[in-house]
Amino acid sequence: ITVAFLMYALGATPTELGIVFSIGFGVAAGLAQIPGGKVADKFGSKPVIAVCTLISTPLLLLQPLSTNVFQFALILGLIGFIGSLSTPAYFAWIANLIGTEKRGKGYGFTSAAFGAGAIIGPIIGSFTWTLLEPNHFLPFAAATIPFFLTLPFIISIRNVEET
């Protein structure tokens, strides 16, 4: 839905699309990873994952309120930064939950789950965009639902001593 919004609602060019996603995901993720690891070490993986999800998910609702590509890029960059702060916490959490003997399998399942989301998400997003057009807000609101649904799951997983 982000590409559709940028193209159809904001009239973004292919170059602008590339810049927006490079900043929103690439630069933001690169800047967030090291401090994200330090924050996870200080506060624990589970709280960092929960807080990052709680903060970044509502920000998705600001995207369709953007009136130009620059505003959209700033919001996407903020979402990307906050979301990427939790990436080191996910890896640490998996390592602590699974232990060394099944770590590869755990990372494999995690990567497969993220991959499945990357496959299914755009399909659902495009159907949602088409179904709800011309309302630009509702597809973004619908996109927040899976993120909020992960919170009870995150909270319910047992804590493990972090090393």
N, C-alpha and C. Protein backbone atom coordinates (compact mmCIF):
# COMPACT_ATOMS: atom_id res chain seq x y z
N ILE A 1 0.83 -1.21 0.00
CA ILE A 1 0.00 0.00 0.00
C ILE A 1 0.86 1.26 0.00
N THR A 2 2.09 1.15 0.49
CA THR A 2 2.94 2.34 0.50
C THR A 2 3.30 2.76 -0.92
N VAL A 3 3.60 1.80 -1.78
CA VAL A 3 3.92 2.13 -3.17
C VAL A 3 2.70 2.71 -3.86
N ALA A 4 1.54 2.09 -3.66
CA ALA A 4 0.31 2.60 -4.28
C ALA A 4 0.02 4.02 -3.81
N PHE A 5 0.16 4.27 -2.52
CA PHE A 5 -0.10 5.61 -2.01
C PHE A 5 0.88 6.61 -2.61
N LEU A 6 2.16 6.27 -2.62
CA LEU A 6 3.15 7.18 -3.19
C LEU A 6 2.87 7.47 -4.66
N MET A 7 2.52 6.43 -5.42
CA MET A 7 2.30 6.61 -6.86
C MET A 7 1.00 7.33 -7.16
N TYR A 8 -0.09 6.84 -6.57
CA TYR A 8 -1.41 7.33 -6.97
C TYR A 8 -1.88 8.54 -6.18
N ALA A 9 -1.59 8.59 -4.91
CA ALA A 9 -2.06 9.72 -4.10
C ALA A 9 -1.08 10.89 -4.13
N LEU A 10 0.22 10.57 -4.14
CA LEU A 10 1.22 11.64 -4.09
C LEU A 10 1.90 11.88 -5.43
N GLY A 11 1.66 11.02 -6.41
CA GLY A 11 2.25 11.20 -7.74
C GLY A 11 3.76 11.08 -7.76
N ALA A 12 4.33 10.21 -6.95
CA ALA A 12 5.78 10.05 -6.87
C ALA A 12 6.34 9.45 -8.15
N THR A 13 7.52 9.92 -8.51
CA THR A 13 8.24 9.37 -9.67
C THR A 13 8.99 8.11 -9.24
N PRO A 14 9.45 7.30 -10.20
CA PRO A 14 10.25 6.12 -9.83
C PRO A 14 11.50 6.49 -9.01
N THR A 15 12.13 7.61 -9.35
CA THR A 15 13.30 8.06 -8.58
C THR A 15 12.91 8.39 -7.15
N GLU A 16 11.80 9.08 -6.98
CA GLU A 16 11.34 9.40 -5.62
C GLU A 16 11.01 8.14 -4.84
N LEU A 17 10.40 7.15 -5.50
CA LEU A 17 10.12 5.87 -4.83
C LEU A 17 11.41 5.25 -4.31
N GLY A 18 12.43 5.21 -5.15
CA GLY A 18 13.71 4.65 -4.75
C GLY A 18 14.33 5.38 -3.57
N ILE A 19 14.27 6.70 -3.60
CA ILE A 19 14.84 7.50 -2.51
C ILE A 19 14.06 7.28 -1.22
N VAL A 20 12.74 7.29 -1.31
CA VAL A 20 11.90 7.10 -0.12
C VAL A 20 12.20 5.76 0.55
N PHE A 21 12.28 4.70 -0.22
CA PHE A 21 12.51 3.38 0.38
C PHE A 21 13.96 3.20 0.82
N SER A 22 14.89 3.84 0.13
CA SER A 22 16.29 3.79 0.60
C SER A 22 16.43 4.46 1.95
N ILE A 23 15.77 5.60 2.12
CA ILE A 23 15.82 6.31 3.40
C ILE A 23 14.98 5.58 4.44
N GLY A 24 13.75 5.23 4.05
CA GLY A 24 12.80 4.65 4.99
C GLY A 24 13.20 3.30 5.54
N PHE A 25 13.88 2.51 4.74
CA PHE A 25 14.27 1.18 5.21
C PHE A 25 15.79 1.05 5.34
N GLY A 26 16.52 1.39 4.31
CA GLY A 26 17.97 1.20 4.33
C GLY A 26 18.69 2.07 5.35
N VAL A 27 18.58 3.37 5.20
CA VAL A 27 19.29 4.29 6.10
C VAL A 27 18.75 4.17 7.52
N ALA A 28 17.44 4.15 7.65
CA ALA A 28 16.84 4.05 9.00
C ALA A 28 17.28 2.78 9.70
N ALA A 29 17.26 1.66 8.99
CA ALA A 29 17.68 0.39 9.60
C ALA A 29 19.15 0.43 9.98
N GLY A 30 19.97 0.96 9.09
CA GLY A 30 21.39 1.04 9.37
C GLY A 30 21.71 1.88 10.60
N LEU A 31 20.99 2.96 10.76
CA LEU A 31 21.21 3.83 11.92
C LEU A 31 20.65 3.26 13.21
N ALA A 32 19.68 2.38 13.11
CA ALA A 32 19.00 1.87 14.31
C ALA A 32 19.62 0.60 14.87
N GLN A 33 20.30 -0.18 14.06
CA GLN A 33 20.73 -1.50 14.49
C GLN A 33 21.68 -1.49 15.69
N ILE A 34 22.74 -0.70 15.65
CA ILE A 34 23.71 -0.71 16.77
C ILE A 34 23.09 -0.17 18.05
N PRO A 35 22.43 0.99 18.01
CA PRO A 35 21.78 1.42 19.26
C PRO A 35 20.69 0.45 19.70
N GLY A 36 20.02 -0.20 18.75
CA GLY A 36 19.00 -1.18 19.10
C GLY A 36 19.57 -2.34 19.88
N GLY A 37 20.76 -2.78 19.50
CA GLY A 37 21.42 -3.85 20.24
C GLY A 37 21.79 -3.42 21.65
N LYS A 38 22.26 -2.20 21.78
CA LYS A 38 22.62 -1.69 23.11
C LYS A 38 21.39 -1.55 24.00
N VAL A 39 20.29 -1.08 23.41
CA VAL A 39 19.04 -0.93 24.17
C VAL A 39 18.53 -2.31 24.60
N ALA A 40 18.61 -3.29 23.72
CA ALA A 40 18.17 -4.65 24.06
C ALA A 40 19.03 -5.23 25.18
N ASP A 41 20.34 -4.98 25.13
CA ASP A 41 21.23 -5.46 26.20
C ASP A 41 20.89 -4.81 27.54
N LYS A 42 20.50 -3.55 27.49
CA LYS A 42 20.23 -2.82 28.73
C LYS A 42 18.86 -3.16 29.33
N PHE A 43 17.83 -3.22 28.48
CA PHE A 43 16.46 -3.38 28.98
C PHE A 43 15.86 -4.77 28.76
N GLY A 44 16.50 -5.58 27.94
CA GLY A 44 15.97 -6.90 27.63
C GLY A 44 15.26 -6.91 26.29
N SER A 45 15.27 -8.06 25.67
CA SER A 45 14.71 -8.19 24.32
C SER A 45 13.20 -8.00 24.28
N LYS A 46 12.50 -8.69 25.15
CA LYS A 46 11.04 -8.66 25.13
C LYS A 46 10.48 -7.24 25.30
N PRO A 47 10.94 -6.45 26.27
CA PRO A 47 10.43 -5.09 26.39
C PRO A 47 10.74 -4.22 25.17
N VAL A 48 11.93 -4.39 24.59
CA VAL A 48 12.29 -3.60 23.42
C VAL A 48 11.38 -3.94 22.24
N ILE A 49 11.14 -5.22 22.03
CA ILE A 49 10.26 -5.65 20.93
C ILE A 49 8.85 -5.10 21.14
N ALA A 50 8.33 -5.24 22.35
CA ALA A 50 6.97 -4.77 22.63
C ALA A 50 6.85 -3.26 22.47
N VAL A 51 7.80 -2.51 23.00
CA VAL A 51 7.74 -1.04 22.93
C VAL A 51 7.90 -0.57 21.49
N CYS A 52 8.83 -1.15 20.75
CA CYS A 52 9.01 -0.75 19.35
C CYS A 52 7.75 -1.03 18.53
N THR A 53 7.10 -2.16 18.80
CA THR A 53 5.86 -2.48 18.10
C THR A 53 4.76 -1.50 18.48
N LEU A 54 4.66 -1.19 19.77
CA LEU A 54 3.64 -0.25 20.23
C LEU A 54 3.83 1.16 19.67
N ILE A 55 5.07 1.58 19.49
CA ILE A 55 5.33 2.93 19.01
C ILE A 55 5.26 3.01 17.49
N SER A 56 5.85 2.04 16.79
CA SER A 56 5.92 2.15 15.34
C SER A 56 4.59 1.86 14.64
N THR A 57 3.78 0.98 15.21
CA THR A 57 2.53 0.60 14.55
C THR A 57 1.56 1.77 14.38
N PRO A 58 1.28 2.56 15.41
CA PRO A 58 0.37 3.69 15.19
C PRO A 58 0.91 4.72 14.20
N LEU A 59 2.23 4.78 14.05
CA LEU A 59 2.81 5.72 13.09
C LEU A 59 2.41 5.39 11.65
N LEU A 60 2.05 4.12 11.41
CA LEU A 60 1.56 3.75 10.08
C LEU A 60 0.34 4.58 9.69
N LEU A 61 -0.43 4.98 10.69
CA LEU A 61 -1.65 5.75 10.42
C LEU A 61 -1.35 7.18 9.99
N LEU A 62 -0.12 7.64 10.19
CA LEU A 62 0.26 8.98 9.74
C LEU A 62 0.61 9.01 8.26
N GLN A 63 0.99 7.87 7.71
CA GLN A 63 1.41 7.84 6.31
C GLN A 63 0.36 8.37 5.34
N PRO A 64 -0.89 7.94 5.43
CA PRO A 64 -1.86 8.44 4.46
C PRO A 64 -2.25 9.90 4.68
N LEU A 65 -1.78 10.49 5.76
CA LEU A 65 -2.03 11.91 6.00
C LEU A 65 -0.97 12.79 5.34
N SER A 66 0.06 12.16 4.78
CA SER A 66 1.13 12.89 4.10
C SER A 66 0.56 13.62 2.89
N THR A 67 1.01 14.86 2.71
CA THR A 67 0.56 15.63 1.56
C THR A 67 1.64 15.74 0.49
N ASN A 68 2.84 15.24 0.78
CA ASN A 68 3.90 15.24 -0.22
C ASN A 68 4.88 14.10 0.07
N VAL A 69 5.74 13.83 -0.89
CA VAL A 69 6.67 12.72 -0.79
C VAL A 69 7.65 12.91 0.36
N PHE A 70 8.07 14.15 0.61
CA PHE A 70 9.01 14.41 1.70
C PHE A 70 8.41 14.04 3.05
N GLN A 71 7.17 14.44 3.30
CA GLN A 71 6.51 14.07 4.56
C GLN A 71 6.41 12.55 4.69
N PHE A 72 6.03 11.91 3.61
CA PHE A 72 5.91 10.45 3.64
C PHE A 72 7.25 9.81 3.96
N ALA A 73 8.33 10.30 3.34
CA ALA A 73 9.67 9.75 3.58
C ALA A 73 10.08 9.93 5.04
N LEU A 74 9.77 11.07 5.62
CA LEU A 74 10.10 11.29 7.04
C LEU A 74 9.36 10.31 7.94
N ILE A 75 8.08 10.13 7.68
CA ILE A 75 7.29 9.20 8.50
C ILE A 75 7.78 7.77 8.31
N LEU A 76 8.03 7.38 7.07
CA LEU A 76 8.53 6.03 6.81
C LEU A 76 9.90 5.82 7.45
N GLY A 77 10.74 6.85 7.40
CA GLY A 77 12.04 6.77 8.05
C GLY A 77 11.92 6.58 9.55
N LEU A 78 10.98 7.29 10.16
CA LEU A 78 10.75 7.15 11.60
C LEU A 78 10.23 5.75 11.93
N ILE A 79 9.29 5.26 11.13
CA ILE A 79 8.77 3.90 11.33
C ILE A 79 9.90 2.88 11.14
N GLY A 80 10.68 3.07 10.09
CA GLY A 80 11.79 2.15 9.83
C GLY A 80 12.83 2.16 10.93
N PHE A 81 13.13 3.34 11.46
CA PHE A 81 14.12 3.45 12.54
C PHE A 81 13.62 2.76 13.80
N ILE A 82 12.41 3.10 14.22
CA ILE A 82 11.86 2.51 15.45
C ILE A 82 11.68 1.00 15.30
N GLY A 83 11.16 0.58 14.16
CA GLY A 83 10.99 -0.85 13.92
C GLY A 83 12.32 -1.59 13.90
N SER A 84 13.34 -0.98 13.32
CA SER A 84 14.65 -1.62 13.23
C SER A 84 15.40 -1.63 14.55
N LEU A 85 15.01 -0.78 15.48
CA LEU A 85 15.62 -0.85 16.82
C LEU A 85 15.39 -2.22 17.45
N SER A 86 14.30 -2.86 17.07
CA SER A 86 13.96 -4.16 17.68
C SER A 86 14.63 -5.35 17.00
N THR A 87 15.23 -5.17 15.84
CA THR A 87 15.82 -6.31 15.13
C THR A 87 16.88 -7.04 15.95
N PRO A 88 17.85 -6.35 16.55
CA PRO A 88 18.82 -7.08 17.38
C PRO A 88 18.14 -7.78 18.57
N ALA A 89 17.08 -7.18 19.09
CA ALA A 89 16.36 -7.80 20.21
C ALA A 89 15.72 -9.11 19.77
N TYR A 90 15.16 -9.15 18.56
CA TYR A 90 14.58 -10.40 18.05
C TYR A 90 15.63 -11.50 17.97
N PHE A 91 16.79 -11.17 17.42
CA PHE A 91 17.84 -12.18 17.29
C PHE A 91 18.33 -12.65 18.65
N ALA A 92 18.51 -11.73 19.58
CA ALA A 92 18.95 -12.11 20.93
C ALA A 92 17.88 -12.96 21.61
N TRP A 93 16.63 -12.58 21.45
CA TRP A 93 15.52 -13.30 22.08
C TRP A 93 15.45 -14.74 21.57
N ILE A 94 15.56 -14.89 20.26
CA ILE A 94 15.53 -16.23 19.67
C ILE A 94 16.70 -17.06 20.20
N ALA A 95 17.87 -16.45 20.23
CA ALA A 95 19.05 -17.17 20.72
C ALA A 95 18.86 -17.63 22.16
N ASN A 96 18.29 -16.78 22.99
CA ASN A 96 18.09 -17.13 24.39
C ASN A 96 16.96 -18.14 24.59
N LEU A 97 15.92 -18.05 23.79
CA LEU A 97 14.79 -18.97 23.93
C LEU A 97 15.12 -20.38 23.45
N ILE A 98 15.88 -20.48 22.39
CA ILE A 98 16.07 -21.76 21.74
C ILE A 98 17.32 -22.49 22.22
N GLY A 99 18.35 -21.78 22.52
CA GLY A 99 19.59 -22.45 22.90
C GLY A 99 20.42 -22.79 21.67
N THR A 100 21.63 -23.22 21.91
CA THR A 100 22.57 -23.41 20.80
C THR A 100 22.24 -24.58 19.89
N GLU A 101 21.71 -25.66 20.43
CA GLU A 101 21.50 -26.85 19.61
C GLU A 101 20.41 -26.70 18.55
N LYS A 102 19.45 -25.80 18.75
CA LYS A 102 18.37 -25.62 17.78
C LYS A 102 18.33 -24.20 17.22
N ARG A 103 19.40 -23.46 17.42
CA ARG A 103 19.43 -22.06 17.02
C ARG A 103 19.24 -21.90 15.51
N GLY A 104 19.92 -22.69 14.71
CA GLY A 104 19.78 -22.60 13.26
C GLY A 104 18.35 -22.83 12.80
N LYS A 105 17.72 -23.83 13.39
CA LYS A 105 16.33 -24.13 13.06
C LYS A 105 15.42 -22.96 13.47
N GLY A 106 15.68 -22.39 14.63
CA GLY A 106 14.89 -21.25 15.10
C GLY A 106 15.02 -20.05 14.19
N TYR A 107 16.26 -19.75 13.78
CA TYR A 107 16.45 -18.63 12.85
C TYR A 107 15.83 -18.94 11.50
N GLY A 108 15.88 -20.21 11.08
CA GLY A 108 15.25 -20.60 9.82
C GLY A 108 13.75 -20.37 9.84
N PHE A 109 13.10 -20.79 10.93
CA PHE A 109 11.65 -20.57 11.04
C PHE A 109 11.32 -19.08 11.11
N THR A 110 12.14 -18.33 11.82
CA THR A 110 11.91 -16.89 11.92
C THR A 110 12.04 -16.23 10.56
N SER A 111 13.09 -16.57 9.82
CA SER A 111 13.27 -16.01 8.49
C SER A 111 12.14 -16.41 7.56
N ALA A 112 11.68 -17.66 7.68
CA ALA A 112 10.56 -18.12 6.85
C ALA A 112 9.29 -17.34 7.18
N ALA A 113 9.06 -17.05 8.46
CA ALA A 113 7.88 -16.28 8.85
C ALA A 113 7.94 -14.86 8.29
N PHE A 114 9.12 -14.23 8.38
CA PHE A 114 9.26 -12.89 7.80
C PHE A 114 9.08 -12.94 6.29
N GLY A 115 9.62 -13.98 5.65
CA GLY A 115 9.46 -14.14 4.21
C GLY A 115 8.00 -14.34 3.82
N ALA A 116 7.28 -15.13 4.60
CA ALA A 116 5.85 -15.34 4.33
C ALA A 116 5.09 -14.03 4.43
N GLY A 117 5.44 -13.23 5.42
CA GLY A 117 4.82 -11.92 5.56
C GLY A 117 5.13 -11.02 4.38
N ALA A 118 6.36 -11.10 3.88
CA ALA A 118 6.76 -10.30 2.72
C ALA A 118 6.05 -10.75 1.45
N ILE A 119 5.64 -12.00 1.41
CA ILE A 119 4.90 -12.52 0.26
C ILE A 119 3.41 -12.18 0.38
N ILE A 120 2.85 -12.48 1.52
CA ILE A 120 1.41 -12.32 1.73
C ILE A 120 1.01 -10.86 1.91
N GLY A 121 1.82 -10.09 2.62
CA GLY A 121 1.49 -8.70 2.93
C GLY A 121 1.17 -7.84 1.71
N PRO A 122 2.04 -7.81 0.70
CA PRO A 122 1.74 -7.00 -0.48
C PRO A 122 0.49 -7.44 -1.23
N ILE A 123 0.23 -8.75 -1.23
CA ILE A 123 -0.98 -9.24 -1.90
C ILE A 123 -2.22 -8.73 -1.16
N ILE A 124 -2.23 -8.90 0.15
CA ILE A 124 -3.36 -8.41 0.95
C ILE A 124 -3.47 -6.90 0.84
N GLY A 125 -2.33 -6.22 0.90
CA GLY A 125 -2.33 -4.76 0.79
C GLY A 125 -2.90 -4.27 -0.53
N SER A 126 -2.55 -4.94 -1.63
CA SER A 126 -3.06 -4.50 -2.93
C SER A 126 -4.56 -4.74 -3.05
N PHE A 127 -5.03 -5.87 -2.52
CA PHE A 127 -6.48 -6.11 -2.52
C PHE A 127 -7.20 -5.08 -1.64
N THR A 128 -6.63 -4.80 -0.49
CA THR A 128 -7.23 -3.82 0.42
C THR A 128 -7.27 -2.45 -0.24
N TRP A 129 -6.17 -2.07 -0.90
CA TRP A 129 -6.11 -0.78 -1.58
C TRP A 129 -7.21 -0.70 -2.64
N THR A 130 -7.32 -1.73 -3.46
CA THR A 130 -8.31 -1.75 -4.54
C THR A 130 -9.73 -1.76 -3.99
N LEU A 131 -9.97 -2.55 -2.97
CA LEU A 131 -11.30 -2.68 -2.38
C LEU A 131 -11.76 -1.37 -1.72
N LEU A 132 -10.86 -0.69 -1.05
CA LEU A 132 -11.24 0.49 -0.27
C LEU A 132 -11.00 1.82 -0.98
N GLU A 133 -10.48 1.76 -2.20
CA GLU A 133 -10.22 2.98 -2.95
C GLU A 133 -11.52 3.76 -3.11
N PRO A 134 -11.57 5.04 -2.96
CA PRO A 134 -10.51 6.02 -2.90
C PRO A 134 -10.07 6.38 -1.47
N ASN A 135 -10.56 5.66 -0.47
CA ASN A 135 -10.17 5.97 0.90
C ASN A 135 -8.75 5.47 1.14
N HIS A 136 -7.83 6.39 1.35
CA HIS A 136 -6.43 6.03 1.53
C HIS A 136 -6.11 5.65 2.97
N PHE A 137 -6.92 6.06 3.91
CA PHE A 137 -6.62 5.81 5.32
C PHE A 137 -6.90 4.36 5.72
N LEU A 138 -8.01 3.80 5.25
CA LEU A 138 -8.41 2.46 5.69
C LEU A 138 -7.40 1.35 5.37
N PRO A 139 -6.76 1.34 4.19
CA PRO A 139 -5.75 0.29 3.97
C PRO A 139 -4.60 0.36 4.98
N PHE A 140 -4.19 1.57 5.33
CA PHE A 140 -3.12 1.71 6.32
C PHE A 140 -3.61 1.27 7.70
N ALA A 141 -4.86 1.61 8.01
CA ALA A 141 -5.43 1.17 9.30
C ALA A 141 -5.50 -0.35 9.35
N ALA A 142 -5.91 -0.97 8.24
CA ALA A 142 -5.97 -2.43 8.20
C ALA A 142 -4.58 -3.05 8.37
N ALA A 143 -3.57 -2.37 7.86
CA ALA A 143 -2.19 -2.88 7.97
C ALA A 143 -1.68 -2.89 9.41
N THR A 144 -2.27 -2.08 10.26
CA THR A 144 -1.82 -2.06 11.66
C THR A 144 -2.32 -3.28 12.44
N ILE A 145 -3.39 -3.89 11.98
CA ILE A 145 -4.01 -5.00 12.73
C ILE A 145 -3.05 -6.15 13.01
N PRO A 146 -2.33 -6.68 12.00
CA PRO A 146 -1.42 -7.80 12.31
C PRO A 146 -0.33 -7.42 13.33
N PHE A 147 0.13 -6.17 13.25
CA PHE A 147 1.16 -5.74 14.20
C PHE A 147 0.62 -5.72 15.63
N PHE A 148 -0.57 -5.17 15.79
CA PHE A 148 -1.16 -5.15 17.13
C PHE A 148 -1.49 -6.56 17.63
N LEU A 149 -1.85 -7.46 16.71
CA LEU A 149 -2.16 -8.83 17.10
C LEU A 149 -0.92 -9.59 17.58
N THR A 150 0.26 -9.13 17.21
CA THR A 150 1.47 -9.80 17.69
C THR A 150 1.76 -9.49 19.15
N LEU A 151 1.24 -8.39 19.66
CA LEU A 151 1.57 -7.98 21.03
C LEU A 151 1.19 -9.02 22.09
N PRO A 152 -0.03 -9.57 22.08
CA PRO A 152 -0.32 -10.61 23.08
C PRO A 152 0.61 -11.81 22.96
N PHE A 153 0.97 -12.16 21.74
CA PHE A 153 1.90 -13.27 21.53
C PHE A 153 3.27 -12.95 22.13
N ILE A 154 3.76 -11.76 21.86
CA ILE A 154 5.06 -11.34 22.40
C ILE A 154 5.03 -11.37 23.92
N ILE A 155 3.98 -10.84 24.50
CA ILE A 155 3.88 -10.77 25.96
C ILE A 155 3.74 -12.15 26.57
N SER A 156 3.09 -13.08 25.86
CA SER A 156 2.84 -14.40 26.44
C SER A 156 4.06 -15.33 26.42
N ILE A 157 5.03 -15.05 25.58
CA ILE A 157 6.21 -15.92 25.52
C ILE A 157 7.03 -15.75 26.79
N ARG A 158 7.48 -16.87 27.31
CA ARG A 158 8.19 -16.85 28.59
C ARG A 158 9.49 -16.07 28.48
N ASN A 159 9.88 -15.49 29.60
CA ASN A 159 11.17 -14.83 29.68
C ASN A 159 12.26 -15.85 29.94
N VAL A 160 13.41 -15.60 29.39
CA VAL A 160 14.57 -16.46 29.60
C VAL A 160 15.69 -15.55 30.06
N GLU A 161 16.51 -16.03 30.97
CA GLU A 161 17.67 -15.25 31.42
C GLU A 161 18.48 -14.84 30.20
N GLU A 162 18.71 -13.56 30.06
CA GLU A 162 19.52 -13.09 28.95
C GLU A 162 20.96 -13.00 29.41
N THR A 163 21.86 -13.45 28.54
CA THR A 163 23.28 -13.43 28.89
C THR A 163 23.98 -12.25 28.29
